[in-house]
Amino acid sequence: MPARWTHITAVVSDLERSIQFYTSFCGLQLLLDRRKQGGSTVWLGYEPAEGEYPTFILVLMQGEVKNLLEHLGFQCESKEQVDEIAETARQQDILVEPPTFTGGAVGYWTVVRDPDGHQVEFTFGQPLKGLG
């Protein structure tokens, strides 16, 4: 069996502020707080179904942000959801790219900036199904 991709880690300057961003904008939940066990990370993801484990998580580690992620990608349920996220980001002055329709496999997308400058893309019409 090949190795399976399980997580990505981002260094953030303020864990609480970043937890708030990723739970409110991306719908992620705090799945594990390693700080309670003497660690320095929190694990965010989607709540798995009963009896299952998360398939992928975002690990946030507090520290000095030296490198920014190009962007994280999240698929939305509709074009309107992309627009709502972009408007909220605009109101908070964290909108990087306004909603844009590129077509093809890219679809409709917008990019916002998290509290440390990492970019987060929200798309509609960019499914992973059928790749290959």
C-alpha atoms as a PDB file:
ATOM      1  CA  MET A   1       0.000   0.000   0.000  1.00  0.00           C
ATOM      2  CA  PRO A   2       1.433   3.428  -0.881  1.00  0.00           C
ATOM      3  CA  ALA A   3       1.946   6.074   1.761  1.00  0.00           C
ATOM      4  CA  ARG A   4      -1.174   8.143   2.408  1.00  0.00           C
ATOM      5  CA  TRP A   5      -1.165  11.932   2.729  1.00  0.00           C
ATOM      6  CA  THR A   6      -2.515  12.781   6.187  1.00  0.00           C
ATOM      7  CA  HIS A   7      -1.721  16.395   7.128  1.00  0.00           C
ATOM      8  CA  ILE A   8      -0.088  19.690   6.408  1.00  0.00           C
ATOM      9  CA  THR A   9       1.498  21.895   9.074  1.00  0.00           C
ATOM     10  CA  ALA A  10       1.491  25.670   9.189  1.00  0.00           C
ATOM     11  CA  VAL A  11       3.353  27.832  11.684  1.00  0.00           C
ATOM     12  CA  VAL A  12       1.159  30.616  13.086  1.00  0.00           C
ATOM     13  CA  SER A  13       1.917  33.487  15.440  1.00  0.00           C
ATOM     14  CA  ASP A  14      -1.243  33.138  17.568  1.00  0.00           C
ATOM     15  CA  LEU A  15      -2.944  29.742  17.862  1.00  0.00           C
ATOM     16  CA  GLU A  16      -6.243  31.043  19.245  1.00  0.00           C
ATOM     17  CA  ARG A  17      -6.586  33.635  16.472  1.00  0.00           C
ATOM     18  CA  SER A  18      -5.799  31.018  13.823  1.00  0.00           C
ATOM     19  CA  ILE A  19      -8.179  28.454  15.332  1.00  0.00           C
ATOM     20  CA  GLN A  20     -10.914  31.100  15.132  1.00  0.00           C
ATOM     21  CA  PHE A  21     -10.098  31.830  11.465  1.00  0.00           C
ATOM     22  CA  TYR A  22     -10.025  28.196  10.312  1.00  0.00           C
ATOM     23  CA  THR A  23     -13.145  27.195  12.242  1.00  0.00           C
ATOM     24  CA  SER A  24     -15.191  30.186  11.078  1.00  0.00           C
ATOM     25  CA  PHE A  25     -14.026  30.522   7.456  1.00  0.00           C
ATOM     26  CA  CYS A  26     -13.252  26.890   6.599  1.00  0.00           C
ATOM     27  CA  GLY A  27     -15.668  25.005   8.842  1.00  0.00           C
ATOM     28  CA  LEU A  28     -12.876  22.985  10.441  1.00  0.00           C
ATOM     29  CA  GLN A  29     -13.161  21.773  14.018  1.00  0.00           C
ATOM     30  CA  LEU A  30     -10.563  21.482  16.738  1.00  0.00           C
ATOM     31  CA  LEU A  31      -9.983  17.719  16.809  1.00  0.00           C
ATOM     32  CA  LEU A  32      -6.981  17.557  19.133  1.00  0.00           C
ATOM     33  CA  ASP A  33      -5.295  20.127  21.322  1.00  0.00           C
ATOM     34  CA  ARG A  34      -1.784  18.788  21.942  1.00  0.00           C
ATOM     35  CA  ARG A  35      -1.067  21.720  24.268  1.00  0.00           C
ATOM     36  CA  LYS A  36      -3.126  19.917  26.911  1.00  0.00           C
ATOM     37  CA  GLN A  37      -0.608  17.054  26.728  1.00  0.00           C
ATOM     38  CA  GLY A  38       2.487  19.259  26.850  1.00  0.00           C
ATOM     39  CA  GLY A  39       2.732  19.667  23.075  1.00  0.00           C
ATOM     40  CA  SER A  40       2.720  22.790  20.966  1.00  0.00           C
ATOM     41  CA  THR A  41       0.221  22.023  18.201  1.00  0.00           C
ATOM     42  CA  VAL A  42      -3.501  21.862  17.530  1.00  0.00           C
ATOM     43  CA  TRP A  43      -5.056  19.572  14.941  1.00  0.00           C
ATOM     44  CA  LEU A  44      -7.996  20.835  12.898  1.00  0.00           C
ATOM     45  CA  GLY A  45     -10.192  18.910  10.500  1.00  0.00           C
ATOM     46  CA  TYR A  46     -13.712  17.862   9.657  1.00  0.00           C
ATOM     47  CA  GLU A  47     -15.484  15.820  12.286  1.00  0.00           C
ATOM     48  CA  PRO A  48     -15.274  12.193  11.111  1.00  0.00           C
ATOM     49  CA  ALA A  49     -18.318   9.926  10.954  1.00  0.00           C
ATOM     50  CA  GLU A  50     -19.015   7.730  13.956  1.00  0.00           C
ATOM     51  CA  GLY A  51     -16.336   5.061  14.268  1.00  0.00           C
ATOM     52  CA  GLU A  52     -14.098   6.613  11.602  1.00  0.00           C
ATOM     53  CA  TYR A  53     -10.895   8.635  11.723  1.00  0.00           C
ATOM     54  CA  PRO A  54     -10.170  11.950  10.009  1.00  0.00           C
ATOM     55  CA  THR A  55      -8.647  11.447   6.557  1.00  0.00           C
ATOM     56  CA  PHE A  56      -6.689  14.709   6.512  1.00  0.00           C
ATOM     57  CA  ILE A  57      -5.876  17.371   9.107  1.00  0.00           C
ATOM     58  CA  LEU A  58      -4.377  20.821   9.308  1.00  0.00           C
ATOM     59  CA  VAL A  59      -1.782  21.034  12.078  1.00  0.00           C
ATOM     60  CA  LEU A  60      -1.127  24.505  13.471  1.00  0.00           C
ATOM     61  CA  MET A  61       2.029  25.154  15.454  1.00  0.00           C
ATOM     62  CA  GLN A  62       2.690  28.422  17.244  1.00  0.00           C
ATOM     63  CA  GLY A  63       5.990  30.078  16.431  1.00  0.00           C
ATOM     64  CA  GLU A  64       7.693  32.653  14.266  1.00  0.00           C
ATOM     65  CA  VAL A  65       6.161  32.591  10.785  1.00  0.00           C
ATOM     66  CA  LYS A  66       9.145  32.367   8.438  1.00  0.00           C
ATOM     67  CA  ASN A  67       7.508  30.775   5.380  1.00  0.00           C
ATOM     68  CA  LEU A  68       4.039  31.227   3.971  1.00  0.00           C
ATOM     69  CA  LEU A  69       2.031  28.491   2.328  1.00  0.00           C
ATOM     70  CA  GLU A  70       1.203  29.239  -1.311  1.00  0.00           C
ATOM     71  CA  HIS A  71      -2.398  28.409  -0.468  1.00  0.00           C
ATOM     72  CA  LEU A  72      -4.730  25.854   1.044  1.00  0.00           C
ATOM     73  CA  GLY A  73      -7.746  24.889  -1.060  1.00  0.00           C
ATOM     74  CA  PHE A  74     -11.319  24.346   0.117  1.00  0.00           C
ATOM     75  CA  GLN A  75     -14.237  23.254  -2.095  1.00  0.00           C
ATOM     76  CA  CYS A  76     -17.532  25.102  -1.566  1.00  0.00           C
ATOM     77  CA  GLU A  77     -21.041  23.814  -2.186  1.00  0.00           C
ATOM     78  CA  SER A  78     -22.031  26.712  -4.454  1.00  0.00           C
ATOM     79  CA  LYS A  79     -20.873  29.826  -6.259  1.00  0.00           C
ATOM     80  CA  GLU A  80     -22.927  31.818  -3.729  1.00  0.00           C
ATOM     81  CA  GLN A  81     -20.916  30.335  -0.859  1.00  0.00           C
ATOM     82  CA  VAL A  82     -17.703  31.529  -2.543  1.00  0.00           C
ATOM     83  CA  ASP A  83     -19.266  34.984  -2.881  1.00  0.00           C
ATOM     84  CA  GLU A  84     -20.324  35.036   0.803  1.00  0.00           C
ATOM     85  CA  ILE A  85     -16.835  34.083   1.966  1.00  0.00           C
ATOM     86  CA  ALA A  86     -15.296  36.745  -0.270  1.00  0.00           C
ATOM     87  CA  GLU A  87     -17.665  39.417   1.054  1.00  0.00           C
ATOM     88  CA  THR A  88     -16.919  38.501   4.674  1.00  0.00           C
ATOM     89  CA  ALA A  89     -13.194  38.584   3.881  1.00  0.00           C
ATOM     90  CA  ARG A  90     -13.594  41.962   2.151  1.00  0.00           C
ATOM     91  CA  GLN A  91     -15.332  43.351   5.241  1.00  0.00           C
ATOM     92  CA  GLN A  92     -12.456  42.081   7.395  1.00  0.00           C
ATOM     93  CA  ASP A  93      -9.873  43.461   4.930  1.00  0.00           C
ATOM     94  CA  ILE A  94      -8.375  40.010   4.264  1.00  0.00           C
ATOM     95  CA  LEU A  95      -9.574  39.486   0.672  1.00  0.00           C
ATOM     96  CA  VAL A  96      -6.604  38.751  -1.592  1.00  0.00           C
ATOM     97  CA  GLU A  97      -8.365  37.868  -4.876  1.00  0.00           C
ATOM     98  CA  PRO A  98     -12.033  38.638  -5.542  1.00  0.00           C
ATOM     99  CA  PRO A  99     -14.315  35.911  -6.895  1.00  0.00           C
ATOM    100  CA  THR A 100     -13.158  34.975 -10.389  1.00  0.00           C
ATOM    101  CA  PHE A 101     -14.420  32.462 -12.940  1.00  0.00           C
ATOM    102  CA  THR A 102     -11.502  30.853 -14.745  1.00  0.00           C
ATOM    103  CA  GLY A 103     -13.430  27.936 -16.205  1.00  0.00           C
ATOM    104  CA  GLY A 104     -12.144  24.483 -17.027  1.00  0.00           C
ATOM    105  CA  ALA A 105     -10.863  22.470 -14.072  1.00  0.00           C
ATOM    106  CA  VAL A 106     -10.246  25.651 -12.044  1.00  0.00           C
ATOM    107  CA  GLY A 107     -13.848  26.883 -11.897  1.00  0.00           C
ATOM    108  CA  TYR A 108     -14.955  29.773  -9.683  1.00  0.00           C
ATOM    109  CA  TRP A 109     -12.645  30.856  -6.872  1.00  0.00           C
ATOM    110  CA  THR A 110     -11.585  33.493  -4.375  1.00  0.00           C
ATOM    111  CA  VAL A 111      -8.539  33.812  -2.109  1.00  0.00           C
ATOM    112  CA  VAL A 112      -8.404  35.179   1.433  1.00  0.00           C
ATOM    113  CA  ARG A 113      -5.528  35.717   3.843  1.00  0.00           C
ATOM    114  CA  ASP A 114      -5.415  34.079   7.276  1.00  0.00           C
ATOM    115  CA  PRO A 115      -4.181  36.080  10.304  1.00  0.00           C
ATOM    116  CA  ASP A 116      -0.517  35.342   9.486  1.00  0.00           C
ATOM    117  CA  GLY A 117      -0.703  35.869   5.725  1.00  0.00           C
ATOM    118  CA  HIS A 118      -1.141  32.248   4.612  1.00  0.00           C
ATOM    119  CA  GLN A 119      -3.508  32.234   1.656  1.00  0.00           C
ATOM    120  CA  VAL A 120      -6.686  30.147   1.556  1.00  0.00           C
ATOM    121  CA  GLU A 121      -8.547  29.501  -1.697  1.00  0.00           C
ATOM    122  CA  PHE A 122     -12.275  28.731  -1.792  1.00  0.00           C
ATOM    123  CA  THR A 123     -13.561  27.194  -5.019  1.00  0.00           C
ATOM    124  CA  PHE A 124     -16.718  25.965  -6.690  1.00  0.00           C
ATOM    125  CA  GLY A 125     -16.572  23.682  -9.710  1.00  0.00           C
ATOM    126  CA  GLN A 126     -13.090  22.339  -8.990  1.00  0.00           C
ATOM    127  CA  PRO A 127     -13.856  18.761  -7.996  1.00  0.00           C
ATOM    128  CA  LEU A 128     -11.171  16.157  -7.466  1.00  0.00           C
ATOM    129  CA  LYS A 129     -13.474  13.412  -8.745  1.00  0.00           C
ATOM    130  CA  GLY A 130     -12.497  12.232 -12.172  1.00  0.00           C
ATOM    131  CA  LEU A 131      -8.836  13.208 -11.959  1.00  0.00           C
ATOM    132  CA  GLY A 132      -6.480  10.652 -13.260  1.00  0.00           C
END
